[in-house]
N, C-alpha and C. Protein backbone atom coordinates (compact mmCIF):
# COMPACT_ATOMS: atom_id res chain seq x y z
N MET A 1 105.37 96.45 103.97
CA MET A 1 105.67 97.69 103.23
C MET A 1 104.96 98.86 104.01
N SER A 2 105.58 99.93 104.14
CA SER A 2 104.94 101.10 104.94
C SER A 2 103.79 101.74 104.09
N LEU A 3 102.92 102.44 104.76
CA LEU A 3 101.88 103.12 103.97
C LEU A 3 102.38 104.12 103.08
N GLN A 4 103.43 104.80 103.46
CA GLN A 4 104.00 105.89 102.63
C GLN A 4 104.57 105.15 101.31
N SER A 5 105.28 103.99 101.42
CA SER A 5 105.71 103.28 100.34
C SER A 5 104.64 102.76 99.43
N ARG A 6 103.60 102.24 100.04
CA ARG A 6 102.39 101.80 99.22
C ARG A 6 101.80 102.88 98.42
N MET A 7 101.62 104.07 99.02
CA MET A 7 101.04 105.21 98.40
C MET A 7 101.91 105.60 97.12
N ARG A 8 103.22 105.72 97.42
CA ARG A 8 104.16 106.13 96.40
C ARG A 8 104.13 105.13 95.22
N GLU A 9 104.09 103.89 95.50
CA GLU A 9 104.10 102.81 94.47
C GLU A 9 102.83 102.88 93.59
N LYS A 10 101.69 103.01 94.32
CA LYS A 10 100.37 103.09 93.58
C LYS A 10 100.28 104.34 92.69
N LEU A 11 100.74 105.45 93.21
CA LEU A 11 100.59 106.66 92.45
C LEU A 11 101.61 106.67 91.25
N MET A 12 102.82 106.15 91.53
CA MET A 12 103.77 106.10 90.41
C MET A 12 103.33 105.17 89.28
N THR A 13 102.75 103.98 89.73
CA THR A 13 102.30 103.02 88.71
C THR A 13 101.16 103.50 87.85
N SER A 14 100.15 104.19 88.62
CA SER A 14 98.85 104.49 87.96
C SER A 14 98.92 105.82 87.24
N LEU A 15 99.64 106.75 87.72
CA LEU A 15 99.60 108.14 87.09
C LEU A 15 100.83 108.54 86.45
N ASN A 16 101.89 107.81 86.56
CA ASN A 16 103.14 108.10 85.87
C ASN A 16 103.62 109.61 85.97
N PRO A 17 103.71 110.02 87.26
CA PRO A 17 103.85 111.49 87.47
C PRO A 17 105.31 111.93 87.12
N THR A 18 105.39 113.21 86.76
CA THR A 18 106.67 113.71 86.56
C THR A 18 107.34 114.29 87.83
N ARG A 19 106.44 114.39 88.84
CA ARG A 19 106.94 114.78 90.24
C ARG A 19 106.01 114.12 91.16
N LEU A 20 106.54 113.57 92.23
CA LEU A 20 105.72 112.97 93.29
C LEU A 20 106.46 113.18 94.59
N ASP A 21 105.90 113.82 95.48
CA ASP A 21 106.40 114.01 96.91
C ASP A 21 105.29 113.51 97.78
N VAL A 22 105.63 112.48 98.59
CA VAL A 22 104.80 111.92 99.57
C VAL A 22 105.52 112.14 100.88
N VAL A 23 104.97 113.09 101.65
CA VAL A 23 105.62 113.54 102.91
C VAL A 23 104.88 113.05 104.12
N ASN A 24 105.48 112.25 105.01
CA ASN A 24 104.94 111.85 106.23
C ASN A 24 104.96 112.98 107.22
N GLU A 25 103.83 113.51 107.69
CA GLU A 25 103.79 114.68 108.62
C GLU A 25 103.19 114.15 109.95
N SER A 26 103.21 112.88 110.15
CA SER A 26 102.55 112.30 111.37
C SER A 26 103.21 112.83 112.68
N HIS A 27 104.49 113.07 112.63
CA HIS A 27 105.18 113.62 113.84
C HIS A 27 104.63 114.91 114.32
N LEU A 28 104.04 115.69 113.41
CA LEU A 28 103.48 116.99 113.68
C LEU A 28 102.16 116.89 114.45
N HIS A 29 101.59 115.72 114.35
CA HIS A 29 100.23 115.47 114.94
C HIS A 29 100.25 114.38 115.99
N ALA A 30 101.37 114.16 116.60
CA ALA A 30 101.52 113.21 117.75
C ALA A 30 100.54 113.63 118.83
N GLY A 31 99.80 112.64 119.34
CA GLY A 31 98.83 112.95 120.45
C GLY A 31 97.49 113.47 119.94
N HIS A 32 97.34 113.81 118.63
CA HIS A 32 96.06 114.30 118.12
C HIS A 32 95.04 113.24 118.27
N GLY A 33 93.79 113.65 118.56
CA GLY A 33 92.70 112.75 118.77
C GLY A 33 92.52 111.74 117.72
N GLY A 34 92.67 112.07 116.45
CA GLY A 34 92.41 111.09 115.35
C GLY A 34 93.66 110.38 114.97
N SER A 35 94.79 110.62 115.59
CA SER A 35 95.99 109.92 115.23
C SER A 35 96.04 108.58 115.96
N PRO A 36 96.24 107.48 115.20
CA PRO A 36 96.31 106.17 115.81
C PRO A 36 97.64 105.84 116.53
N GLY A 37 98.65 106.81 116.41
CA GLY A 37 99.89 106.59 117.06
C GLY A 37 100.84 105.64 116.38
N THR A 38 100.55 105.38 115.04
CA THR A 38 101.34 104.46 114.23
C THR A 38 102.58 105.17 113.70
N GLY A 39 102.58 106.42 113.62
CA GLY A 39 103.66 107.14 112.89
C GLY A 39 103.38 107.32 111.44
N GLU A 40 102.26 106.77 110.93
CA GLU A 40 101.93 106.86 109.54
C GLU A 40 100.35 107.15 109.42
N SER A 41 100.03 108.34 109.85
CA SER A 41 98.60 108.74 109.85
C SER A 41 98.32 110.10 109.11
N HIS A 42 99.35 110.91 108.92
CA HIS A 42 99.14 112.18 108.40
C HIS A 42 100.20 112.37 107.34
N PHE A 43 99.71 112.67 106.05
CA PHE A 43 100.58 112.92 104.90
C PHE A 43 100.19 114.03 104.07
N SER A 44 101.16 114.59 103.48
CA SER A 44 100.85 115.64 102.38
C SER A 44 101.43 115.06 101.10
N LEU A 45 100.76 115.44 99.99
CA LEU A 45 101.05 114.81 98.68
C LEU A 45 101.14 115.92 97.66
N LEU A 46 102.20 115.93 96.87
CA LEU A 46 102.27 116.82 95.65
C LEU A 46 102.55 115.91 94.50
N ILE A 47 101.63 115.96 93.60
CA ILE A 47 101.77 115.14 92.38
C ILE A 47 101.55 115.90 91.17
N VAL A 48 102.42 115.81 90.20
CA VAL A 48 102.24 116.41 88.84
C VAL A 48 102.11 115.25 87.80
N SER A 49 101.03 115.24 87.18
CA SER A 49 100.77 114.18 86.15
C SER A 49 99.97 114.71 85.04
N SER A 50 100.34 114.23 83.80
CA SER A 50 99.51 114.71 82.64
C SER A 50 98.04 114.08 82.70
N ASP A 51 97.88 113.09 83.53
CA ASP A 51 96.54 112.55 83.68
C ASP A 51 95.52 113.53 84.32
N PHE A 52 96.11 114.57 84.88
CA PHE A 52 95.24 115.65 85.47
C PHE A 52 94.88 116.74 84.57
N SER A 53 95.42 116.79 83.34
CA SER A 53 95.17 117.84 82.35
C SER A 53 93.70 117.90 82.05
N GLY A 54 93.13 119.14 82.07
CA GLY A 54 91.75 119.18 81.74
C GLY A 54 90.77 118.79 82.81
N LYS A 55 91.23 118.34 83.94
CA LYS A 55 90.35 117.97 85.08
C LYS A 55 90.36 119.07 86.20
N SER A 56 89.18 119.10 86.80
CA SER A 56 88.98 120.02 87.87
C SER A 56 89.76 119.57 89.12
N ARG A 57 89.93 120.38 90.03
CA ARG A 57 90.59 120.05 91.36
C ARG A 57 89.87 118.92 92.06
N VAL A 58 88.53 118.94 92.00
CA VAL A 58 87.70 117.86 92.60
C VAL A 58 87.99 116.61 91.95
N GLU A 59 87.95 116.57 90.62
CA GLU A 59 88.21 115.43 89.83
C GLU A 59 89.64 114.82 90.15
N ARG A 60 90.57 115.59 90.19
CA ARG A 60 91.90 115.20 90.60
C ARG A 60 92.01 114.55 91.93
N HIS A 61 91.36 115.22 92.88
CA HIS A 61 91.33 114.62 94.24
C HIS A 61 90.58 113.30 94.31
N ARG A 62 89.54 113.15 93.53
CA ARG A 62 88.85 111.92 93.49
C ARG A 62 89.69 110.78 92.88
N ILE A 63 90.43 111.06 91.92
CA ILE A 63 91.34 110.06 91.29
C ILE A 63 92.33 109.59 92.35
N VAL A 64 92.95 110.57 93.10
CA VAL A 64 93.92 110.21 94.08
C VAL A 64 93.28 109.44 95.18
N ASN A 65 92.23 109.87 95.74
CA ASN A 65 91.47 109.17 96.79
C ASN A 65 91.09 107.73 96.36
N HIS A 66 90.61 107.65 95.14
CA HIS A 66 90.25 106.24 94.73
C HIS A 66 91.49 105.36 94.64
N LEU A 67 92.59 105.85 94.12
CA LEU A 67 93.76 105.01 94.05
C LEU A 67 94.23 104.63 95.49
N LEU A 68 94.11 105.50 96.46
CA LEU A 68 94.60 105.23 97.75
C LEU A 68 93.53 104.88 98.75
N GLN A 69 92.44 104.38 98.29
CA GLN A 69 91.33 103.95 99.18
C GLN A 69 91.76 102.93 100.20
N ASP A 70 92.59 101.98 99.87
CA ASP A 70 93.00 100.98 100.80
C ASP A 70 93.90 101.64 101.92
N GLU A 71 94.75 102.49 101.56
CA GLU A 71 95.60 103.16 102.51
C GLU A 71 94.79 104.08 103.51
N LEU A 72 93.74 104.76 102.84
CA LEU A 72 93.03 105.68 103.63
C LEU A 72 92.15 104.79 104.66
N ARG A 73 91.78 103.62 104.28
CA ARG A 73 91.02 102.71 105.17
C ARG A 73 91.99 102.15 106.26
N ASP A 74 93.24 101.88 105.78
CA ASP A 74 94.15 101.09 106.69
C ASP A 74 94.97 102.09 107.59
N GLY A 75 94.59 103.28 107.79
CA GLY A 75 95.30 104.05 108.91
C GLY A 75 95.67 105.44 108.54
N VAL A 76 95.54 105.89 107.29
CA VAL A 76 95.86 107.23 106.96
C VAL A 76 94.68 108.11 107.39
N HIS A 77 94.92 108.97 108.31
CA HIS A 77 93.77 109.76 108.96
C HIS A 77 93.62 111.07 108.16
N ALA A 78 94.74 111.54 107.71
CA ALA A 78 94.70 112.93 106.95
C ALA A 78 95.57 112.87 105.79
N LEU A 79 95.12 113.39 104.64
CA LEU A 79 95.84 113.42 103.43
C LEU A 79 95.66 114.79 102.78
N ALA A 80 96.67 115.60 102.73
CA ALA A 80 96.59 116.83 102.04
C ALA A 80 97.06 116.65 100.60
N ILE A 81 96.28 116.95 99.57
CA ILE A 81 96.61 116.66 98.20
C ILE A 81 96.78 117.92 97.36
N LYS A 82 97.90 118.00 96.67
CA LYS A 82 98.05 119.10 95.70
C LYS A 82 98.37 118.33 94.44
N ALA A 83 97.43 118.27 93.54
CA ALA A 83 97.43 117.54 92.28
C ALA A 83 97.49 118.53 91.08
N LEU A 84 98.58 118.53 90.33
CA LEU A 84 98.67 119.44 89.18
C LEU A 84 98.96 118.76 87.89
N ALA A 85 98.57 119.42 86.84
CA ALA A 85 99.01 118.96 85.53
C ALA A 85 100.33 119.72 85.23
N PRO A 86 101.16 119.13 84.24
CA PRO A 86 102.44 119.74 83.90
C PRO A 86 102.28 121.17 83.44
N GLY A 87 103.07 122.08 83.92
CA GLY A 87 103.02 123.49 83.54
C GLY A 87 102.17 124.27 84.47
N GLU A 88 101.51 123.64 85.44
CA GLU A 88 100.78 124.49 86.38
C GLU A 88 101.65 124.90 87.57
């Protein structure tokens, strides 16, 4: 299973989002010093979940980073996160 699919599955299962966009942007960073050349190293993430209600931006990012700790260890070099509660 690809890193992108693994991330999507974990976030869907754990946070039950009303919107989830996991975009692979690795092609924009080809040849970059931190890029492992796997084609799955740079991602942007937009997630809307009621689990984020009442939480700060830092708390939201910590939740996402914790859920994706294996993927971050296994080759994701950069992850841009936009985590919102419904209505934001």
